[in-house]
N, C-alpha and C. Protein backbone atom coordinates (compact mmCIF):
# COMPACT_ATOMS: atom_id res chain seq x y z
N MET A 1 98.97 114.57 113.95
CA MET A 1 99.95 113.77 115.13
C MET A 1 100.21 112.75 114.53
N LYS A 2 101.43 112.02 115.01
CA LYS A 2 101.32 110.40 114.76
C LYS A 2 101.47 109.36 115.48
N GLN A 3 100.90 108.18 115.44
CA GLN A 3 101.03 107.09 116.32
C GLN A 3 101.79 106.10 115.53
N THR A 4 102.89 105.69 116.52
CA THR A 4 103.55 104.46 115.50
C THR A 4 102.62 103.17 115.98
N THR A 5 102.71 102.48 114.85
CA THR A 5 102.39 101.27 115.19
C THR A 5 103.01 100.20 115.03
N THR A 6 104.43 100.24 114.63
CA THR A 6 105.17 99.10 114.19
C THR A 6 106.53 99.74 115.01
N ALA A 7 107.11 99.46 115.61
CA ALA A 7 108.34 100.11 116.22
C ALA A 7 109.78 99.97 115.13
N PRO A 8 110.16 100.88 114.74
CA PRO A 8 111.19 100.91 113.76
C PRO A 8 112.50 100.22 114.10
N HIS A 9 113.16 99.22 112.74
CA HIS A 9 114.33 98.76 113.20
C HIS A 9 114.69 98.14 111.81
N ARG A 10 115.73 97.80 111.41
CA ARG A 10 116.68 97.88 110.37
C ARG A 10 115.82 97.22 109.28
N GLY A 11 115.38 97.75 108.23
CA GLY A 11 114.66 97.33 107.46
C GLY A 11 113.21 97.41 107.72
N GLY A 12 112.68 98.09 108.96
CA GLY A 12 111.27 98.21 109.15
C GLY A 12 110.48 96.55 108.82
N PRO A 13 109.34 96.91 108.53
CA PRO A 13 108.68 98.19 108.40
C PRO A 13 108.05 99.16 109.13
N VAL A 14 108.40 100.19 108.85
CA VAL A 14 107.66 101.37 109.99
C VAL A 14 106.96 101.45 109.43
N ILE A 15 105.61 101.90 110.20
CA ILE A 15 104.37 102.22 109.72
C ILE A 15 103.76 102.91 111.01
N LEU A 16 103.21 104.17 110.11
CA LEU A 16 102.43 105.28 111.02
C LEU A 16 101.17 106.07 110.49
N ARG A 17 100.78 106.47 111.56
CA ARG A 17 99.66 107.10 111.13
C ARG A 17 99.54 108.63 111.35
N TRP A 18 98.95 109.06 110.52
CA TRP A 18 98.69 110.58 110.48
C TRP A 18 97.34 111.45 110.25
N THR A 19 96.87 112.64 111.34
CA THR A 19 96.07 113.32 110.80
C THR A 19 96.13 113.51 109.32
N GLN A 20 94.89 114.34 109.04
CA GLN A 20 94.81 114.65 107.30
C GLN A 20 95.21 116.07 107.61
N GLY A 21 96.28 116.39 108.25
CA GLY A 21 96.34 117.87 108.40
C GLY A 21 97.78 117.73 107.76
N ALA A 22 98.26 119.59 106.89
CA ALA A 22 99.26 119.47 106.30
C ALA A 22 100.47 119.65 107.57
N LYS A 23 100.37 119.79 108.86
CA LYS A 23 101.54 119.71 109.29
C LYS A 23 102.27 118.05 109.67
N SER A 24 101.30 117.32 109.24
CA SER A 24 101.94 115.92 109.44
C SER A 24 102.59 115.90 108.10
N VAL A 25 102.92 116.51 107.37
CA VAL A 25 103.96 116.00 106.08
C VAL A 25 105.16 116.62 106.64
N SER A 26 105.54 117.67 107.18
CA SER A 26 106.61 118.10 107.91
C SER A 26 106.91 116.69 109.20
N LEU A 27 106.19 116.10 109.77
CA LEU A 27 106.27 115.29 110.69
C LEU A 27 106.95 113.86 110.25
N ALA A 28 106.30 113.58 109.41
CA ALA A 28 106.41 112.05 108.13
C ALA A 28 107.86 112.30 107.18
N ARG A 29 108.21 113.34 107.03
CA ARG A 29 109.29 113.71 106.48
C ARG A 29 110.49 113.63 107.51
N ARG A 30 110.26 114.47 108.59
CA ARG A 30 111.40 113.98 109.77
C ARG A 30 111.98 112.77 110.37
N THR A 31 110.55 112.07 110.23
CA THR A 31 110.19 111.00 110.87
C THR A 31 111.06 109.41 109.99
N LEU A 32 111.02 109.96 108.68
CA LEU A 32 111.41 109.17 107.50
C LEU A 32 113.05 109.78 107.27
N ARG A 33 113.27 111.02 107.47
CA ARG A 33 114.81 111.03 107.76
C ARG A 33 115.55 110.41 108.56
N GLU A 34 114.65 110.52 110.06
CA GLU A 34 115.30 109.81 111.25
C GLU A 34 115.56 108.36 110.88
N THR A 35 114.66 107.54 110.26
CA THR A 35 114.77 106.21 110.08
C THR A 35 116.05 106.20 108.76
N LEU A 36 115.90 107.31 108.03
CA LEU A 36 116.93 106.26 107.08
C LEU A 36 118.56 106.62 107.57
N HIS A 37 118.34 107.49 108.65
CA HIS A 37 119.94 107.97 109.38
C HIS A 37 120.16 106.65 110.11
N ASP A 38 119.06 106.13 110.80
CA ASP A 38 119.30 104.74 111.23
C ASP A 38 119.66 103.72 110.63
N TRP A 39 119.21 103.77 109.63
CA TRP A 39 119.15 102.24 108.65
C TRP A 39 120.66 102.56 107.89
N GLY A 40 121.37 103.84 108.10
CA GLY A 40 122.57 103.88 107.23
C GLY A 40 122.40 104.30 105.66
N LEU A 41 121.11 104.98 105.67
CA LEU A 41 121.06 105.64 104.50
C LEU A 41 120.76 106.84 104.17
N SER A 42 121.77 107.74 104.60
CA SER A 42 121.45 108.97 104.63
C SER A 42 121.60 109.59 103.35
N GLY A 43 122.18 108.92 102.39
CA GLY A 43 122.44 109.44 101.05
C GLY A 43 121.30 109.37 100.14
N ILE A 44 120.44 108.87 100.86
CA ILE A 44 118.99 108.93 99.75
C ILE A 44 117.73 109.63 100.77
N GLU A 45 118.02 110.54 101.33
CA GLU A 45 117.44 111.04 102.36
C GLU A 45 116.69 112.24 101.82
N ASP A 46 117.55 113.18 100.99
CA ASP A 46 116.52 114.19 100.67
C ASP A 46 115.77 113.93 99.13
N SER A 47 116.21 112.57 98.55
CA SER A 47 115.43 112.33 97.60
C SER A 47 114.19 111.57 98.30
N ALA A 48 114.36 110.86 99.25
CA ALA A 48 112.89 109.82 99.73
C ALA A 48 112.04 110.94 100.47
N ALA A 49 112.74 112.16 101.10
CA ALA A 49 112.12 113.10 102.18
C ALA A 49 111.06 113.82 100.85
N LEU A 50 111.45 114.49 99.54
CA LEU A 50 110.75 115.09 98.78
C LEU A 50 109.82 113.60 98.13
N VAL A 51 110.05 112.69 97.77
CA VAL A 51 108.63 111.74 97.31
C VAL A 51 108.09 111.67 98.45
N LEU A 52 108.33 111.10 99.54
CA LEU A 52 107.10 111.37 100.70
C LEU A 52 106.64 112.24 100.89
N SER A 53 106.95 113.68 100.64
CA SER A 53 106.27 114.97 100.81
C SER A 53 105.29 115.16 99.66
N GLU A 54 105.57 114.81 98.44
CA GLU A 54 104.85 114.59 97.33
C GLU A 54 103.58 114.14 97.44
N LEU A 55 103.54 112.22 97.96
CA LEU A 55 102.81 111.53 97.81
C LEU A 55 101.84 111.49 99.17
N LEU A 56 102.33 112.25 100.50
CA LEU A 56 101.46 112.45 101.82
C LEU A 56 100.48 114.01 101.30
N THR A 57 101.11 114.99 100.82
CA THR A 57 100.63 116.21 100.50
C THR A 57 99.23 115.63 99.49
N ASN A 58 99.72 114.82 98.56
CA ASN A 58 98.70 115.09 97.86
C ASN A 58 97.50 113.79 98.34
N ALA A 59 97.88 113.12 98.84
CA ALA A 59 96.50 112.27 100.14
C ALA A 59 96.15 113.33 101.01
N VAL A 60 96.85 114.43 101.39
CA VAL A 60 96.35 115.47 102.57
C VAL A 60 95.36 116.37 101.75
N ARG A 61 95.90 116.56 100.39
CA ARG A 61 94.80 117.61 99.95
C ARG A 61 93.47 116.71 99.15
N HIS A 62 93.74 115.76 98.51
CA HIS A 62 92.84 115.21 97.57
C HIS A 62 92.05 114.14 97.80
N ALA A 63 92.50 113.50 99.29
CA ALA A 63 92.17 112.17 99.63
C ALA A 63 91.83 112.44 101.00
N ARG A 64 91.05 113.41 101.65
CA ARG A 64 90.37 113.46 102.55
C ARG A 64 88.65 112.67 102.54
N THR A 65 89.05 111.95 104.18
CA THR A 65 87.86 111.51 104.53
C THR A 65 87.58 111.80 106.22
N PRO A 66 86.71 112.17 106.31
CA PRO A 66 86.53 112.69 107.50
C PRO A 66 86.71 111.25 108.42
N GLY A 67 87.30 111.15 109.89
CA GLY A 67 87.30 110.66 110.74
C GLY A 67 88.35 109.56 110.13
N ARG A 68 89.12 109.67 109.09
CA ARG A 68 90.17 108.48 108.48
C ARG A 68 91.71 109.17 108.62
N GLU A 69 92.38 108.45 109.01
CA GLU A 69 93.77 108.87 109.10
C GLU A 69 94.47 107.91 107.83
N ILE A 70 96.00 108.81 107.49
CA ILE A 70 96.41 108.29 106.61
C ILE A 70 97.63 107.84 107.04
N GLU A 71 98.28 106.63 106.43
CA GLU A 71 99.18 105.70 106.81
C GLU A 71 100.23 105.73 105.91
N THR A 72 101.81 105.97 106.45
CA THR A 72 102.73 105.84 105.92
C THR A 72 103.50 104.44 106.10
N ARG A 73 104.03 103.76 105.37
CA ARG A 73 105.15 102.63 105.51
C ARG A 73 106.40 102.99 104.62
N PHE A 74 107.67 102.61 105.60
CA PHE A 74 108.45 102.77 104.88
C PHE A 74 109.48 100.90 105.05
N LEU A 75 109.76 100.29 103.83
CA LEU A 75 110.24 99.38 103.92
C LEU A 75 111.48 99.05 103.34
N LEU A 76 112.54 98.46 103.73
CA LEU A 76 113.75 97.74 103.21
C LEU A 76 113.62 96.89 102.17
N LEU A 77 113.53 96.90 100.95
CA LEU A 77 113.98 95.86 100.04
C LEU A 77 114.96 95.89 99.39
N PRO A 78 115.62 94.46 98.75
CA PRO A 78 116.86 94.40 98.32
C PRO A 78 117.17 95.52 97.24
N GLY A 79 117.90 96.10 97.96
CA GLY A 79 118.52 97.35 96.79
C GLY A 79 117.66 98.32 96.92
N ARG A 80 116.71 98.59 97.18
CA ARG A 80 115.80 99.80 97.20
C ARG A 80 114.79 99.93 98.53
N LEU A 81 113.93 101.37 98.77
CA LEU A 81 113.58 101.42 99.78
C LEU A 81 112.34 101.89 99.05
N ARG A 82 110.98 101.47 99.66
CA ARG A 82 109.68 101.24 99.33
C ARG A 82 108.76 102.26 100.33
N ILE A 83 108.63 103.28 99.80
CA ILE A 83 107.41 104.85 100.60
C ILE A 83 106.10 104.34 99.91
N GLU A 84 105.24 103.92 101.26
CA GLU A 84 103.79 103.79 100.57
C GLU A 84 102.99 104.94 101.60
N VAL A 85 102.27 105.44 100.60
CA VAL A 85 101.16 105.98 101.21
C VAL A 85 99.93 105.25 101.17
N HIS A 86 98.82 105.30 102.22
CA HIS A 86 97.74 104.56 102.33
C HIS A 86 96.38 105.89 102.69
N ASP A 87 95.33 105.79 101.81
CA ASP A 87 94.22 106.93 102.28
C ASP A 87 92.92 106.07 102.10
N SER A 88 91.92 106.85 102.49
CA SER A 88 90.98 105.65 102.31
C SER A 88 90.28 106.46 101.18
N SER A 89 90.40 106.91 100.29
CA SER A 89 89.84 107.79 99.03
C SER A 89 90.08 106.60 97.98
N GLU A 90 89.25 106.40 97.08
CA GLU A 90 89.21 105.67 95.93
C GLU A 90 89.59 106.43 94.61
N GLN A 91 90.11 107.52 94.97
CA GLN A 91 90.12 108.68 93.81
C GLN A 91 91.82 108.40 93.45
N ARG A 92 92.02 107.91 92.46
CA ARG A 92 93.63 107.53 92.02
C ARG A 92 94.33 108.89 91.60
N PRO A 93 95.54 108.93 91.92
CA PRO A 93 96.07 110.12 91.35
C PRO A 93 96.49 110.00 89.93
N LEU A 94 96.91 111.07 88.74
CA LEU A 94 96.86 111.10 87.77
C LEU A 94 98.06 112.11 87.33
N MET A 95 99.26 111.48 86.71
CA MET A 95 100.24 112.43 86.41
C MET A 95 99.92 112.80 85.09
N ALA A 96 100.34 114.46 84.82
CA ALA A 96 99.97 115.08 83.73
C ALA A 96 101.30 116.16 83.85
N LEU A 97 102.07 116.41 82.82
CA LEU A 97 102.76 117.41 82.84
C LEU A 97 102.17 119.06 82.96
N PRO A 98 102.20 119.20 83.96
CA PRO A 98 101.88 120.85 83.82
C PRO A 98 102.37 121.59 83.38
N GLU A 99 101.72 122.92 82.81
CA GLU A 99 102.68 123.57 81.24
C GLU A 99 103.44 124.40 82.31
N THR A 100 104.77 124.62 81.08
CA THR A 100 105.60 125.99 81.61
C THR A 100 105.08 126.55 82.31
N GLY A 101 106.02 127.38 83.45
CA GLY A 101 105.32 127.88 84.33
C GLY A 101 104.48 127.87 85.46
N ALA A 102 103.63 126.85 85.48
CA ALA A 102 102.60 126.56 86.20
C ALA A 102 103.17 126.34 87.71
N VAL A 103 102.77 126.67 88.68
CA VAL A 103 103.03 126.88 90.24
C VAL A 103 103.01 125.40 90.62
N GLY A 104 101.66 124.65 90.39
CA GLY A 104 101.73 123.51 91.08
C GLY A 104 101.35 122.53 90.00
N GLY A 105 101.13 120.92 90.22
CA GLY A 105 101.12 120.08 89.29
C GLY A 105 102.25 119.21 88.94
N TRP A 106 103.43 119.92 89.62
CA TRP A 106 104.48 119.21 89.56
C TRP A 106 104.88 117.88 90.43
N GLY A 107 104.05 117.66 91.30
CA GLY A 107 104.50 116.86 92.48
C GLY A 107 105.00 115.05 91.77
N LEU A 108 103.64 114.92 91.04
CA LEU A 108 103.73 113.15 90.83
C LEU A 108 104.95 113.30 89.67
N PRO A 109 105.28 114.27 88.66
CA PRO A 109 106.49 114.14 87.70
C PRO A 109 107.75 113.87 88.59
N LEU A 110 107.80 114.90 89.77
CA LEU A 110 109.07 114.74 90.49
C LEU A 110 109.28 113.66 91.17
N VAL A 111 108.32 112.95 91.76
CA VAL A 111 107.97 110.98 92.11
C VAL A 111 108.74 110.81 91.28
N ASP A 112 107.80 110.77 89.85
CA ASP A 112 108.68 109.73 88.74
C ASP A 112 110.06 110.11 88.25
N THR A 113 110.67 111.50 88.74
CA THR A 113 111.66 111.68 88.28
C THR A 113 112.63 111.24 89.10
N LEU A 114 112.56 111.07 91.09
CA LEU A 114 113.35 110.63 91.67
C LEU A 114 113.28 108.97 91.77
N SER A 115 112.18 108.38 91.66
CA SER A 115 111.98 106.79 91.99
C SER A 115 112.32 105.92 90.86
N GLU A 116 112.80 104.67 91.45
CA GLU A 116 112.72 103.90 90.34
C GLU A 116 111.56 103.78 89.36
N VAL A 117 110.41 103.52 90.18
CA VAL A 117 109.29 102.84 89.59
C VAL A 117 108.25 103.59 90.69
N TRP A 118 107.08 103.91 90.31
CA TRP A 118 106.26 103.98 91.53
C TRP A 118 104.58 103.75 90.83
N GLY A 119 103.70 103.36 91.73
CA GLY A 119 102.32 102.95 91.14
C GLY A 119 101.15 103.62 92.22
N VAL A 120 99.79 102.97 92.14
CA VAL A 120 98.94 103.05 92.69
C VAL A 120 98.54 101.73 92.85
N SER A 121 98.19 101.17 93.96
CA SER A 121 97.41 99.67 93.99
C SER A 121 96.13 99.86 95.23
N ASP A 122 95.57 98.63 95.07
CA ASP A 122 94.33 98.50 95.91
C ASP A 122 94.83 98.16 97.16
N ARG A 123 94.20 98.22 98.26
CA ARG A 123 94.42 97.60 99.58
C ARG A 123 93.28 96.91 100.32
N GLN A 124 93.67 96.30 101.16
CA GLN A 124 92.67 95.58 101.95
C GLN A 124 91.68 97.07 102.60
N GLY A 125 90.60 96.80 102.30
CA GLY A 125 89.79 98.15 103.03
C GLY A 125 89.53 98.91 102.13
N PRO A 126 88.94 100.10 102.32
CA PRO A 126 88.45 101.11 101.42
C PRO A 126 89.85 101.83 101.07
N GLY A 127 89.96 102.45 99.92
CA GLY A 127 91.04 103.49 99.57
C GLY A 127 91.95 102.52 98.44
N LYS A 128 93.03 103.16 98.87
CA LYS A 128 94.07 102.90 98.23
C LYS A 128 95.77 103.07 98.60
N LEU A 129 96.42 102.92 97.93
CA LEU A 129 98.00 102.83 98.30
C LEU A 129 98.88 103.74 97.39
N VAL A 130 99.55 104.67 97.44
CA VAL A 130 100.53 104.81 96.24
C VAL A 130 101.44 104.99 96.54
N TRP A 131 102.86 104.25 96.12
CA TRP A 131 104.14 103.53 96.62
C TRP A 131 105.10 104.06 95.08
N ALA A 132 106.19 104.02 95.89
CA ALA A 132 107.27 104.60 95.31
C ALA A 132 108.68 103.71 95.63
N HIS A 133 109.49 102.99 94.64
CA HIS A 133 110.82 102.42 95.06
C HIS A 133 112.16 103.41 94.47
N LEU A 134 112.94 103.98 95.61
CA LEU A 134 114.21 104.66 95.40
C LEU A 134 115.11 103.50 95.54
N ALA A 135 116.46 103.49 94.93
CA ALA A 135 117.47 102.77 94.79
C ALA A 135 118.30 103.00 96.03
N THR A 136 118.80 101.80 97.10
CA THR A 136 119.70 102.14 98.06
C THR A 136 120.92 101.70 97.72
N GLU A 137 121.48 101.54 96.59
CA GLU A 137 122.67 101.06 96.02
C GLU A 137 123.03 101.85 94.69
N PRO A 138 124.23 102.43 94.95
CA PRO A 138 124.69 103.01 93.64
C PRO A 138 124.26 102.36 92.16
N VAL A 139 123.73 102.98 90.93
CA VAL A 139 123.34 102.71 89.98
C VAL A 139 124.26 102.53 89.24
N ALA A 140 125.11 101.38 88.78
CA ALA A 140 126.13 101.14 87.84
C ALA A 140 126.16 101.68 86.61
N ASP A 141 127.33 102.53 86.11
CA ASP A 141 127.37 103.55 85.01
C ASP A 141 127.27 102.78 83.64
N PRO A 142 126.41 103.14 83.05
CA PRO A 142 126.30 102.07 81.56
C PRO A 142 127.44 102.22 81.13
N SER A 143 128.12 103.35 80.69
CA SER A 143 129.28 103.39 79.71
C SER A 143 130.31 102.77 79.79
């Protein structure tokens, strides 16, 4: 279940807290899609939802801390959307390319492909935040 801590408005931030269950991923994805629609950014909904799904799924699967929730933040920055996932685990995600035909391990490579940049940062309190930036404006054709 989610708990809204900041009311969504144009540009956010939209800050939500989630339990550490798999159902939280689909609820967060739906909330992000609604937020992007309200912000007039429907064109990046699919990419943003995939990025959020991968980052939040990693937190749900690998960063479980009893009694702690996972926090997501959606923010508009100049020319981009920032998606953050905060958890209370110190374990940092590592990107490695899985072998061809592997069923799992494609999450962070997918985030890397869909986002302009992504990373892991320290946060106030225990744990970390994993973040990604997606372009909100068309990228100029280099040719």
